[in-house]
Amino acid sequence: MERVRTKSANRIKGSLGDGIVLFIIYFLVGVITLIVLVPLIHVVACSFSSPNAIGSGKVWLWPINITLAGYRGVFSDKSIITGYANTFFYTVVGTMINLAVTVPCGYALSKKTLPGRNYFMIFFMITMYFGGGMIPTYLLIQSLGLYNTRLVLLILGAFSTYNCIICRTFFSAFPEELEDAARIDGCGVFRCFLQIVMPLSKALMGVMVLYFAIGHWNSYFSAMMYLNKDEYKPLQLILRRLLIEAQQNLQMMEGAAGAAGEAGEAAADAYNTAQLIKYAVIIVSSVPVMILYPFLQKYFDKGVMLGSLKG
């Protein structure tokens, strides 16, 4: 009887402890979710609100005086449309180039029969921690004739050592017997990679597409450094220009605050309109990634776990 009572008490304590741990976990997840969602909902509400409501600070989680003026202002600006098209181009083509360079390299490095593969990995790892610097890179881009061309954003950073390591680890877990059987049936190296390995690597490809696509979509520093032509600039640089213009409008409004009548009102309206367009642009630039992520999430979760295991 005493043993039964002890076991029952231990079960109660264990279930109580598990309940407390689960409560803490759910509480932390809920807090983190609110931290992420509240700013996003606020931006969405501001993008559909009137400029005066935004300027007066009345908008929080629900739009006030709903209007599409911000989105009309976004799509009426030719530079924003051009930047949007450029960003799509850099994201799609750049991701394809990244995959074509990084994934085969990771597959090759996963083979123990590759001569000097350890030296290749050391060489690649060095580039993760050491670089030539901003000015030498700028001079190199100029000497190669890539300055002010679309190719500079596609070729620069085409290879990712970190993602190559993920690919190598993932491919290392493949059973060698599978590829041996394919070779017996007459498959060469390239055919084996394309028709046997790649169809079984959907999880990895989903992760790589997500990593590379988001990197290209959010990239702006390289474009700011190496592009001067407006027709080549991505959306992120247009966003940067809008933020600068909004700050300039704020300074103009503060300077005109002491003026009476129409001057101060015009400055305030210009600033509020710029703020509205800024919120609309944030939503427009974020929607494609938000749409893409749910379709790749299952591959993302599975691929990260598979890539983290050493075969």
C-alpha atoms as a PDB file:
ATOM      1  CA  MET A   1       0.000   0.000   0.000  1.00  0.00           C
ATOM      2  CA  GLU A   2       2.812   2.374   0.857  1.00  0.00           C
ATOM      3  CA  ARG A   3       4.434   1.803  -2.544  1.00  0.00           C
ATOM      4  CA  VAL A   4       1.152   2.457  -4.322  1.00  0.00           C
ATOM      5  CA  ARG A   5       0.689   5.701  -2.420  1.00  0.00           C
ATOM      6  CA  THR A   6       4.265   6.762  -3.237  1.00  0.00           C
ATOM      7  CA  LYS A   7       3.794   6.042  -6.942  1.00  0.00           C
ATOM      8  CA  SER A   8       0.491   7.935  -6.976  1.00  0.00           C
ATOM      9  CA  ALA A   9       2.098  10.903  -5.231  1.00  0.00           C
ATOM     10  CA  ASN A  10       4.980  10.880  -7.709  1.00  0.00           C
ATOM     11  CA  ARG A  11       2.552  10.812 -10.634  1.00  0.00           C
ATOM     12  CA  ILE A  12       0.616  13.749  -9.199  1.00  0.00           C
ATOM     13  CA  LYS A  13       3.826  15.709  -8.667  1.00  0.00           C
ATOM     14  CA  GLY A  14       5.015  14.813 -12.170  1.00  0.00           C
ATOM     15  CA  SER A  15       1.737  15.825 -13.811  1.00  0.00           C
ATOM     16  CA  LEU A  16       1.676  19.037 -11.777  1.00  0.00           C
ATOM     17  CA  GLY A  17       5.253  19.847 -12.767  1.00  0.00           C
ATOM     18  CA  ASP A  18       4.499  19.117 -16.440  1.00  0.00           C
ATOM     19  CA  GLY A  19       1.447  21.359 -16.260  1.00  0.00           C
ATOM     20  CA  ILE A  20       3.487  24.227 -14.836  1.00  0.00           C
ATOM     21  CA  VAL A  21       6.154  23.796 -17.532  1.00  0.00           C
ATOM     22  CA  LEU A  22       3.504  23.715 -20.287  1.00  0.00           C
ATOM     23  CA  PHE A  23       1.835  26.822 -18.840  1.00  0.00           C
ATOM     24  CA  ILE A  24       5.138  28.695 -18.850  1.00  0.00           C
ATOM     25  CA  ILE A  25       5.860  27.581 -22.430  1.00  0.00           C
ATOM     26  CA  TYR A  26       2.407  28.604 -23.693  1.00  0.00           C
ATOM     27  CA  PHE A  27       2.642  31.892 -21.832  1.00  0.00           C
ATOM     28  CA  LEU A  28       6.015  32.727 -23.378  1.00  0.00           C
ATOM     29  CA  VAL A  29       4.800  31.707 -26.849  1.00  0.00           C
ATOM     30  CA  GLY A  30       1.725  33.902 -26.389  1.00  0.00           C
ATOM     31  CA  VAL A  31       3.820  36.890 -25.307  1.00  0.00           C
ATOM     32  CA  ILE A  32       6.219  36.454 -28.245  1.00  0.00           C
ATOM     33  CA  THR A  33       3.264  36.124 -30.629  1.00  0.00           C
ATOM     34  CA  LEU A  34       1.782  39.368 -29.334  1.00  0.00           C
ATOM     35  CA  ILE A  35       5.155  41.113 -29.670  1.00  0.00           C
ATOM     36  CA  VAL A  36       5.236  40.060 -33.336  1.00  0.00           C
ATOM     37  CA  LEU A  37       1.559  40.545 -34.215  1.00  0.00           C
ATOM     38  CA  VAL A  38       0.765  43.860 -32.532  1.00  0.00           C
ATOM     39  CA  PRO A  39       3.261  45.949 -34.574  1.00  0.00           C
ATOM     40  CA  LEU A  40       2.176  44.166 -37.762  1.00  0.00           C
ATOM     41  CA  ILE A  41      -1.518  44.802 -37.090  1.00  0.00           C
ATOM     42  CA  HIS A  42      -0.697  48.419 -36.243  1.00  0.00           C
ATOM     43  CA  VAL A  43       1.093  48.907 -39.580  1.00  0.00           C
ATOM     44  CA  VAL A  44      -1.830  47.309 -41.460  1.00  0.00           C
ATOM     45  CA  ALA A  45      -4.321  49.550 -39.639  1.00  0.00           C
ATOM     46  CA  CYS A  46      -2.262  52.657 -40.386  1.00  0.00           C
ATOM     47  CA  SER A  47      -1.995  51.747 -44.067  1.00  0.00           C
ATOM     48  CA  PHE A  48      -5.813  51.828 -44.377  1.00  0.00           C
ATOM     49  CA  SER A  49      -6.389  54.922 -42.198  1.00  0.00           C
ATOM     50  CA  SER A  50      -6.695  58.545 -43.207  1.00  0.00           C
ATOM     51  CA  PRO A  51      -3.565  60.742 -43.038  1.00  0.00           C
ATOM     52  CA  ASN A  52      -5.125  62.990 -40.392  1.00  0.00           C
ATOM     53  CA  ALA A  53      -5.906  60.026 -38.139  1.00  0.00           C
ATOM     54  CA  ILE A  54      -2.294  58.848 -38.423  1.00  0.00           C
ATOM     55  CA  GLY A  55      -0.929  62.326 -37.732  1.00  0.00           C
ATOM     56  CA  SER A  56      -3.088  62.744 -34.641  1.00  0.00           C
ATOM     57  CA  GLY A  57      -2.010  59.355 -33.264  1.00  0.00           C
ATOM     58  CA  LYS A  58      -5.516  57.907 -33.075  1.00  0.00           C
ATOM     59  CA  VAL A  59      -4.731  54.688 -34.940  1.00  0.00           C
ATOM     60  CA  TRP A  60      -3.695  51.661 -32.932  1.00  0.00           C
ATOM     61  CA  LEU A  61      -5.067  48.237 -33.959  1.00  0.00           C
ATOM     62  CA  TRP A  62      -8.041  49.269 -36.086  1.00  0.00           C
ATOM     63  CA  PRO A  63      -8.122  51.631 -39.087  1.00  0.00           C
ATOM     64  CA  ILE A  64      -9.880  54.964 -38.671  1.00  0.00           C
ATOM     65  CA  ASN A  65     -11.644  56.638 -41.619  1.00  0.00           C
ATOM     66  CA  ILE A  66     -10.737  53.751 -43.939  1.00  0.00           C
ATOM     67  CA  THR A  67      -9.165  54.854 -47.195  1.00  0.00           C
ATOM     68  CA  LEU A  68      -7.025  53.395 -49.977  1.00  0.00           C
ATOM     69  CA  ALA A  69      -5.215  56.660 -50.603  1.00  0.00           C
ATOM     70  CA  GLY A  70      -1.934  55.213 -49.366  1.00  0.00           C
ATOM     71  CA  TYR A  71      -2.021  52.293 -51.776  1.00  0.00           C
ATOM     72  CA  ARG A  72      -3.108  54.558 -54.624  1.00  0.00           C
ATOM     73  CA  GLY A  73      -0.123  56.754 -53.833  1.00  0.00           C
ATOM     74  CA  VAL A  74       2.165  53.722 -53.821  1.00  0.00           C
ATOM     75  CA  PHE A  75       1.065  52.347 -57.176  1.00  0.00           C
ATOM     76  CA  SER A  76       0.857  55.774 -58.791  1.00  0.00           C
ATOM     77  CA  ASP A  77       4.581  56.334 -58.146  1.00  0.00           C
ATOM     78  CA  LYS A  78       6.450  54.972 -61.146  1.00  0.00           C
ATOM     79  CA  SER A  79       9.657  54.496 -59.170  1.00  0.00           C
ATOM     80  CA  ILE A  80       7.899  52.190 -56.691  1.00  0.00           C
ATOM     81  CA  ILE A  81       6.486  50.050 -59.492  1.00  0.00           C
ATOM     82  CA  THR A  82       9.934  49.872 -61.087  1.00  0.00           C
ATOM     83  CA  GLY A  83      11.543  49.008 -57.738  1.00  0.00           C
ATOM     84  CA  TYR A  84       8.940  46.323 -57.140  1.00  0.00           C
ATOM     85  CA  ALA A  85       9.619  44.752 -60.552  1.00  0.00           C
ATOM     86  CA  ASN A  86      13.386  44.941 -59.979  1.00  0.00           C
ATOM     87  CA  THR A  87      13.085  43.257 -56.595  1.00  0.00           C
ATOM     88  CA  PHE A  88      11.033  40.433 -58.092  1.00  0.00           C
ATOM     89  CA  PHE A  89      13.648  40.015 -60.804  1.00  0.00           C
ATOM     90  CA  TYR A  90      16.584  39.993 -58.367  1.00  0.00           C
ATOM     91  CA  THR A  91      14.776  37.606 -56.034  1.00  0.00           C
ATOM     92  CA  VAL A  92      13.728  35.052 -58.652  1.00  0.00           C
ATOM     93  CA  VAL A  93      16.859  35.078 -60.826  1.00  0.00           C
ATOM     94  CA  GLY A  94      19.232  35.524 -57.869  1.00  0.00           C
ATOM     95  CA  THR A  95      17.675  32.600 -55.999  1.00  0.00           C
ATOM     96  CA  MET A  96      18.014  30.380 -59.079  1.00  0.00           C
ATOM     97  CA  ILE A  97      21.697  31.312 -59.392  1.00  0.00           C
ATOM     98  CA  ASN A  98      22.237  30.682 -55.670  1.00  0.00           C
ATOM     99  CA  LEU A  99      20.676  27.240 -55.933  1.00  0.00           C
ATOM    100  CA  ALA A 100      22.636  26.382 -59.081  1.00  0.00           C
ATOM    101  CA  VAL A 101      25.930  27.270 -57.355  1.00  0.00           C
ATOM    102  CA  THR A 102      25.438  26.278 -53.718  1.00  0.00           C
ATOM    103  CA  VAL A 103      23.457  23.012 -53.851  1.00  0.00           C
ATOM    104  CA  PRO A 104      25.758  21.119 -56.306  1.00  0.00           C
ATOM    105  CA  CYS A 105      28.764  22.327 -54.338  1.00  0.00           C
ATOM    106  CA  GLY A 106      27.285  20.960 -51.104  1.00  0.00           C
ATOM    107  CA  TYR A 107      26.547  17.657 -52.854  1.00  0.00           C
ATOM    108  CA  ALA A 108      30.113  17.370 -54.150  1.00  0.00           C
ATOM    109  CA  LEU A 109      31.602  18.168 -50.737  1.00  0.00           C
ATOM    110  CA  SER A 110      29.462  15.473 -49.131  1.00  0.00           C
ATOM    111  CA  LYS A 111      31.370  12.796 -51.072  1.00  0.00           C
ATOM    112  CA  LYS A 112      34.302  11.311 -49.207  1.00  0.00           C
ATOM    113  CA  THR A 113      35.867  10.328 -52.526  1.00  0.00           C
ATOM    114  CA  LEU A 114      36.262  13.970 -53.609  1.00  0.00           C
ATOM    115  CA  PRO A 115      40.016  14.749 -53.711  1.00  0.00           C
ATOM    116  CA  GLY A 116      40.960  17.581 -51.364  1.00  0.00           C
ATOM    117  CA  ARG A 117      37.438  18.171 -50.033  1.00  0.00           C
ATOM    118  CA  ASN A 118      38.787  19.118 -46.600  1.00  0.00           C
ATOM    119  CA  TYR A 119      40.969  21.804 -48.167  1.00  0.00           C
ATOM    120  CA  PHE A 120      37.991  23.129 -50.094  1.00  0.00           C
ATOM    121  CA  MET A 121      35.991  23.358 -46.869  1.00  0.00           C
ATOM    122  CA  ILE A 122      38.810  25.205 -45.107  1.00  0.00           C
ATOM    123  CA  PHE A 123      39.018  27.638 -48.013  1.00  0.00           C
ATOM    124  CA  PHE A 124      35.253  28.232 -47.915  1.00  0.00           C
ATOM    125  CA  MET A 125      35.190  28.599 -44.126  1.00  0.00           C
ATOM    126  CA  ILE A 126      37.868  31.311 -44.254  1.00  0.00           C
ATOM    127  CA  THR A 127      35.554  33.453 -46.411  1.00  0.00           C
ATOM    128  CA  MET A 128      32.909  33.330 -43.667  1.00  0.00           C
ATOM    129  CA  TYR A 129      35.124  35.201 -41.221  1.00  0.00           C
ATOM    130  CA  PHE A 130      37.529  37.207 -43.369  1.00  0.00           C
ATOM    131  CA  GLY A 131      36.913  39.469 -46.356  1.00  0.00           C
ATOM    132  CA  GLY A 132      38.730  42.039 -48.420  1.00  0.00           C
ATOM    133  CA  GLY A 133      36.682  44.927 -47.066  1.00  0.00           C
ATOM    134  CA  MET A 134      34.277  47.434 -48.532  1.00  0.00           C
ATOM    135  CA  ILE A 135      36.707  49.549 -50.575  1.00  0.00           C
ATOM    136  CA  PRO A 136      38.613  46.632 -52.181  1.00  0.00           C
ATOM    137  CA  THR A 137      35.280  45.009 -53.059  1.00  0.00           C
ATOM    138  CA  TYR A 138      34.075  48.265 -54.602  1.00  0.00           C
ATOM    139  CA  LEU A 139      37.250  48.570 -56.683  1.00  0.00           C
ATOM    140  CA  LEU A 140      36.923  44.930 -57.756  1.00  0.00           C
ATOM    141  CA  ILE A 141      33.339  45.480 -58.881  1.00  0.00           C
ATOM    142  CA  GLN A 142      34.419  48.496 -60.902  1.00  0.00           C
ATOM    143  CA  SER A 143      37.367  46.694 -62.506  1.00  0.00           C
ATOM    144  CA  LEU A 144      35.119  43.802 -63.551  1.00  0.00           C
ATOM    145  CA  GLY A 145      32.673  46.196 -65.230  1.00  0.00           C
ATOM    146  CA  LEU A 146      29.802  45.197 -62.931  1.00  0.00           C
ATOM    147  CA  TYR A 147      29.193  48.654 -61.468  1.00  0.00           C
ATOM    148  CA  ASN A 148      25.736  50.010 -62.330  1.00  0.00           C
ATOM    149  CA  THR A 149      24.583  46.711 -63.832  1.00  0.00           C
ATOM    150  CA  ARG A 150      21.962  44.208 -62.738  1.00  0.00           C
ATOM    151  CA  LEU A 151      24.570  41.465 -62.669  1.00  0.00           C
ATOM    152  CA  VAL A 152      26.239  42.951 -59.599  1.00  0.00           C
ATOM    153  CA  LEU A 153      23.265  41.998 -57.408  1.00  0.00           C
ATOM    154  CA  LEU A 154      22.983  38.570 -59.001  1.00  0.00           C
ATOM    155  CA  ILE A 155      26.627  37.506 -58.967  1.00  0.00           C
ATOM    156  CA  LEU A 156      27.735  39.175 -55.728  1.00  0.00           C
ATOM    157  CA  GLY A 157      27.048  36.680 -52.962  1.00  0.00           C
ATOM    158  CA  ALA A 158      25.913  33.936 -55.356  1.00  0.00           C
ATOM    159  CA  PHE A 159      27.658  31.368 -53.139  1.00  0.00           C
ATOM    160  CA  SER A 160      26.805  31.006 -49.455  1.00  0.00           C
ATOM    161  CA  THR A 161      29.214  29.019 -47.295  1.00  0.00           C
ATOM    162  CA  TYR A 162      26.684  28.639 -44.476  1.00  0.00           C
ATOM    163  CA  ASN A 163      24.025  27.223 -46.804  1.00  0.00           C
ATOM    164  CA  CYS A 164      26.639  25.047 -48.496  1.00  0.00           C
ATOM    165  CA  ILE A 165      27.435  23.475 -45.110  1.00  0.00           C
ATOM    166  CA  ILE A 166      23.722  22.765 -44.586  1.00  0.00           C
ATOM    167  CA  CYS A 167      23.557  21.122 -48.033  1.00  0.00           C
ATOM    168  CA  ARG A 168      26.695  19.072 -47.385  1.00  0.00           C
ATOM    169  CA  THR A 169      25.356  17.799 -44.063  1.00  0.00           C
ATOM    170  CA  PHE A 170      21.991  16.983 -45.619  1.00  0.00           C
ATOM    171  CA  PHE A 171      23.489  15.047 -48.531  1.00  0.00           C
ATOM    172  CA  SER A 172      25.873  13.211 -46.197  1.00  0.00           C
ATOM    173  CA  ALA A 173      22.856  11.474 -44.658  1.00  0.00           C
ATOM    174  CA  PHE A 174      21.890   9.923 -48.008  1.00  0.00           C
ATOM    175  CA  PRO A 175      22.472   6.143 -48.135  1.00  0.00           C
ATOM    176  CA  GLU A 176      25.349   5.324 -50.453  1.00  0.00           C
ATOM    177  CA  GLU A 177      23.567   2.151 -51.610  1.00  0.00           C
ATOM    178  CA  LEU A 178      20.905   4.270 -53.334  1.00  0.00           C
ATOM    179  CA  GLU A 179      23.410   5.977 -55.573  1.00  0.00           C
ATOM    180  CA  ASP A 180      25.373   2.763 -56.090  1.00  0.00           C
ATOM    181  CA  ALA A 181      22.223   1.093 -57.396  1.00  0.00           C
ATOM    182  CA  ALA A 182      21.638   4.020 -59.749  1.00  0.00           C
ATOM    183  CA  ARG A 183      25.186   3.754 -61.096  1.00  0.00           C
ATOM    184  CA  ILE A 184      24.764   0.031 -61.688  1.00  0.00           C
ATOM    185  CA  ASP A 185      21.703   0.869 -63.811  1.00  0.00           C
ATOM    186  CA  GLY A 186      23.824   3.211 -65.905  1.00  0.00           C
ATOM    187  CA  CYS A 187      23.329   6.632 -64.206  1.00  0.00           C
ATOM    188  CA  GLY A 188      26.196   9.041 -64.436  1.00  0.00           C
ATOM    189  CA  VAL A 189      27.074  11.575 -61.745  1.00  0.00           C
ATOM    190  CA  PHE A 190      24.939  14.383 -63.149  1.00  0.00           C
ATOM    191  CA  ARG A 191      21.954  12.184 -63.932  1.00  0.00           C
ATOM    192  CA  CYS A 192      22.124  10.600 -60.491  1.00  0.00           C
ATOM    193  CA  PHE A 193      22.173  14.042 -58.898  1.00  0.00           C
ATOM    194  CA  LEU A 194      19.305  15.419 -61.001  1.00  0.00           C
ATOM    195  CA  GLN A 195      17.004  12.382 -61.151  1.00  0.00           C
ATOM    196  CA  ILE A 196      17.743  10.533 -57.911  1.00  0.00           C
ATOM    197  CA  VAL A 197      19.074  12.960 -55.305  1.00  0.00           C
ATOM    198  CA  MET A 198      17.168  16.145 -56.155  1.00  0.00           C
ATOM    199  CA  PRO A 199      13.651  14.621 -56.098  1.00  0.00           C
ATOM    200  CA  LEU A 200      14.427  13.321 -52.592  1.00  0.00           C
ATOM    201  CA  SER A 201      15.684  16.724 -51.430  1.00  0.00           C
ATOM    202  CA  LYS A 202      12.475  18.761 -51.465  1.00  0.00           C
ATOM    203  CA  ALA A 203      12.877  19.640 -47.792  1.00  0.00           C
ATOM    204  CA  LEU A 204      16.368  20.988 -48.374  1.00  0.00           C
ATOM    205  CA  MET A 205      15.338  22.901 -51.497  1.00  0.00           C
ATOM    206  CA  GLY A 206      12.452  24.503 -49.609  1.00  0.00           C
ATOM    207  CA  VAL A 207      14.850  25.748 -46.944  1.00  0.00           C
ATOM    208  CA  MET A 208      17.361  27.033 -49.514  1.00  0.00           C
ATOM    209  CA  VAL A 209      14.683  28.836 -51.529  1.00  0.00           C
ATOM    210  CA  LEU A 210      13.362  30.505 -48.386  1.00  0.00           C
ATOM    211  CA  TYR A 211      16.816  31.558 -47.173  1.00  0.00           C
ATOM    212  CA  PHE A 212      17.994  32.903 -50.516  1.00  0.00           C
ATOM    213  CA  ALA A 213      14.702  34.535 -51.533  1.00  0.00           C
ATOM    214  CA  ILE A 214      14.288  36.431 -48.262  1.00  0.00           C
ATOM    215  CA  GLY A 215      17.926  37.505 -48.430  1.00  0.00           C
ATOM    216  CA  HIS A 216      17.462  38.947 -51.928  1.00  0.00           C
ATOM    217  CA  TRP A 217      14.112  40.503 -51.085  1.00  0.00           C
ATOM    218  CA  ASN A 218      15.461  42.374 -48.051  1.00  0.00           C
ATOM    219  CA  SER A 219      18.850  43.269 -49.539  1.00  0.00           C
ATOM    220  CA  TYR A 220      19.551  46.961 -50.012  1.00  0.00           C
ATOM    221  CA  PHE A 221      23.165  47.693 -49.002  1.00  0.00           C
ATOM    222  CA  SER A 222      24.771  46.202 -52.113  1.00  0.00           C
ATOM    223  CA  ALA A 223      22.312  48.067 -54.321  1.00  0.00           C
ATOM    224  CA  MET A 224      23.032  51.299 -52.466  1.00  0.00           C
ATOM    225  CA  MET A 225      26.771  50.778 -52.966  1.00  0.00           C
ATOM    226  CA  TYR A 226      26.899  49.624 -56.572  1.00  0.00           C
ATOM    227  CA  LEU A 227      23.810  51.061 -58.306  1.00  0.00           C
ATOM    228  CA  ASN A 228      23.194  54.681 -59.282  1.00  0.00           C
ATOM    229  CA  LYS A 229      20.602  54.202 -62.016  1.00  0.00           C
ATOM    230  CA  ASP A 230      17.043  54.503 -60.718  1.00  0.00           C
ATOM    231  CA  GLU A 231      15.765  51.922 -63.207  1.00  0.00           C
ATOM    232  CA  TYR A 232      17.965  49.258 -61.579  1.00  0.00           C
ATOM    233  CA  LYS A 233      17.252  50.028 -57.924  1.00  0.00           C
ATOM    234  CA  PRO A 234      15.232  47.506 -55.860  1.00  0.00           C
ATOM    235  CA  LEU A 235      12.224  48.288 -53.731  1.00  0.00           C
ATOM    236  CA  GLN A 236      14.225  48.529 -50.517  1.00  0.00           C
ATOM    237  CA  LEU A 237      16.078  51.601 -51.774  1.00  0.00           C
ATOM    238  CA  ILE A 238      12.736  53.185 -52.666  1.00  0.00           C
ATOM    239  CA  LEU A 239      11.595  52.493 -49.120  1.00  0.00           C
ATOM    240  CA  ARG A 240      14.730  54.153 -47.823  1.00  0.00           C
ATOM    241  CA  ARG A 241      14.058  57.227 -49.968  1.00  0.00           C
ATOM    242  CA  LEU A 242      10.490  57.431 -48.665  1.00  0.00           C
ATOM    243  CA  LEU A 243      11.705  57.302 -45.067  1.00  0.00           C
ATOM    244  CA  ILE A 244      14.174  60.105 -45.757  1.00  0.00           C
ATOM    245  CA  GLU A 245      11.471  62.182 -47.426  1.00  0.00           C
ATOM    246  CA  ALA A 246       9.158  61.580 -44.466  1.00  0.00           C
ATOM    247  CA  GLN A 247      11.863  62.845 -42.124  1.00  0.00           C
ATOM    248  CA  GLN A 248      12.397  65.920 -44.306  1.00  0.00           C
ATOM    249  CA  ASN A 249       8.661  66.583 -44.295  1.00  0.00           C
ATOM    250  CA  LEU A 250       8.692  66.324 -40.515  1.00  0.00           C
ATOM    251  CA  GLN A 251      11.445  68.918 -40.299  1.00  0.00           C
ATOM    252  CA  MET A 252       9.549  71.157 -42.718  1.00  0.00           C
ATOM    253  CA  MET A 253       6.415  70.806 -40.627  1.00  0.00           C
ATOM    254  CA  GLU A 254       8.291  71.717 -37.467  1.00  0.00           C
ATOM    255  CA  GLY A 255       9.773  74.734 -39.224  1.00  0.00           C
ATOM    256  CA  ALA A 256       6.342  75.824 -40.414  1.00  0.00           C
ATOM    257  CA  ALA A 257       4.655  75.158 -37.070  1.00  0.00           C
ATOM    258  CA  GLY A 258       5.123  78.759 -36.065  1.00  0.00           C
ATOM    259  CA  ALA A 259       3.641  80.030 -39.321  1.00  0.00           C
ATOM    260  CA  ALA A 260      -0.023  80.862 -39.333  1.00  0.00           C
ATOM    261  CA  GLY A 261      -2.674  79.521 -41.660  1.00  0.00           C
ATOM    262  CA  GLU A 262      -2.158  77.518 -44.785  1.00  0.00           C
ATOM    263  CA  ALA A 263       1.626  77.072 -44.659  1.00  0.00           C
ATOM    264  CA  GLY A 264       1.570  75.058 -41.437  1.00  0.00           C
ATOM    265  CA  GLU A 265      -1.466  73.034 -42.530  1.00  0.00           C
ATOM    266  CA  ALA A 266       0.104  72.204 -45.900  1.00  0.00           C
ATOM    267  CA  ALA A 267       3.299  71.021 -44.215  1.00  0.00           C
ATOM    268  CA  ALA A 268       1.302  68.872 -41.783  1.00  0.00           C
ATOM    269  CA  ASP A 269      -0.749  67.351 -44.607  1.00  0.00           C
ATOM    270  CA  ALA A 270       2.389  66.567 -46.602  1.00  0.00           C
ATOM    271  CA  TYR A 271       3.965  64.847 -43.622  1.00  0.00           C
ATOM    272  CA  ASN A 272       0.832  62.823 -42.818  1.00  0.00           C
ATOM    273  CA  THR A 273       0.492  61.737 -46.442  1.00  0.00           C
ATOM    274  CA  ALA A 274       4.127  60.646 -46.516  1.00  0.00           C
ATOM    275  CA  GLN A 275       3.554  58.615 -43.348  1.00  0.00           C
ATOM    276  CA  LEU A 276       0.498  56.949 -44.909  1.00  0.00           C
ATOM    277  CA  ILE A 277       2.425  56.017 -48.043  1.00  0.00           C
ATOM    278  CA  LYS A 278       5.266  54.684 -45.896  1.00  0.00           C
ATOM    279  CA  TYR A 279       2.931  52.287 -44.086  1.00  0.00           C
ATOM    280  CA  ALA A 280       1.373  51.187 -47.383  1.00  0.00           C
ATOM    281  CA  VAL A 281       4.792  50.501 -48.886  1.00  0.00           C
ATOM    282  CA  ILE A 282       5.766  48.394 -45.859  1.00  0.00           C
ATOM    283  CA  ILE A 283       2.700  46.208 -46.392  1.00  0.00           C
ATOM    284  CA  VAL A 284       3.204  45.991 -50.158  1.00  0.00           C
ATOM    285  CA  SER A 285       6.850  44.969 -49.711  1.00  0.00           C
ATOM    286  CA  SER A 286       6.066  42.388 -47.014  1.00  0.00           C
ATOM    287  CA  VAL A 287       3.076  40.631 -48.585  1.00  0.00           C
ATOM    288  CA  PRO A 288       5.027  38.432 -51.073  1.00  0.00           C
ATOM    289  CA  VAL A 289       7.263  36.989 -48.337  1.00  0.00           C
ATOM    290  CA  MET A 290       4.266  36.479 -46.049  1.00  0.00           C
ATOM    291  CA  ILE A 291       2.496  34.604 -48.843  1.00  0.00           C
ATOM    292  CA  LEU A 292       5.562  32.501 -49.686  1.00  0.00           C
ATOM    293  CA  TYR A 293       6.412  31.401 -46.147  1.00  0.00           C
ATOM    294  CA  PRO A 294       3.313  29.227 -45.361  1.00  0.00           C
ATOM    295  CA  PHE A 295       3.935  27.126 -48.481  1.00  0.00           C
ATOM    296  CA  LEU A 296       7.569  26.494 -47.490  1.00  0.00           C
ATOM    297  CA  GLN A 297       7.117  26.191 -43.735  1.00  0.00           C
ATOM    298  CA  LYS A 298       6.788  22.378 -43.692  1.00  0.00           C
ATOM    299  CA  TYR A 299       9.949  22.053 -45.778  1.00  0.00           C
ATOM    300  CA  PHE A 300      11.649  24.646 -43.577  1.00  0.00           C
ATOM    301  CA  ASP A 301      10.993  22.755 -40.329  1.00  0.00           C
ATOM    302  CA  LYS A 302      11.902  19.357 -41.772  1.00  0.00           C
ATOM    303  CA  GLY A 303      14.901  20.599 -43.719  1.00  0.00           C
ATOM    304  CA  VAL A 304      16.488  22.410 -40.800  1.00  0.00           C
ATOM    305  CA  MET A 305      16.260  19.279 -38.646  1.00  0.00           C
ATOM    306  CA  LEU A 306      17.645  17.037 -41.372  1.00  0.00           C
ATOM    307  CA  GLY A 307      20.469  19.454 -42.088  1.00  0.00           C
ATOM    308  CA  SER A 308      21.395  19.581 -38.413  1.00  0.00           C
ATOM    309  CA  LEU A 309      22.095  15.847 -38.159  1.00  0.00           C
ATOM    310  CA  LYS A 310      25.498  14.481 -39.004  1.00  0.00           C
ATOM    311  CA  GLY A 311      25.351  11.474 -41.278  1.00  0.00           C
END
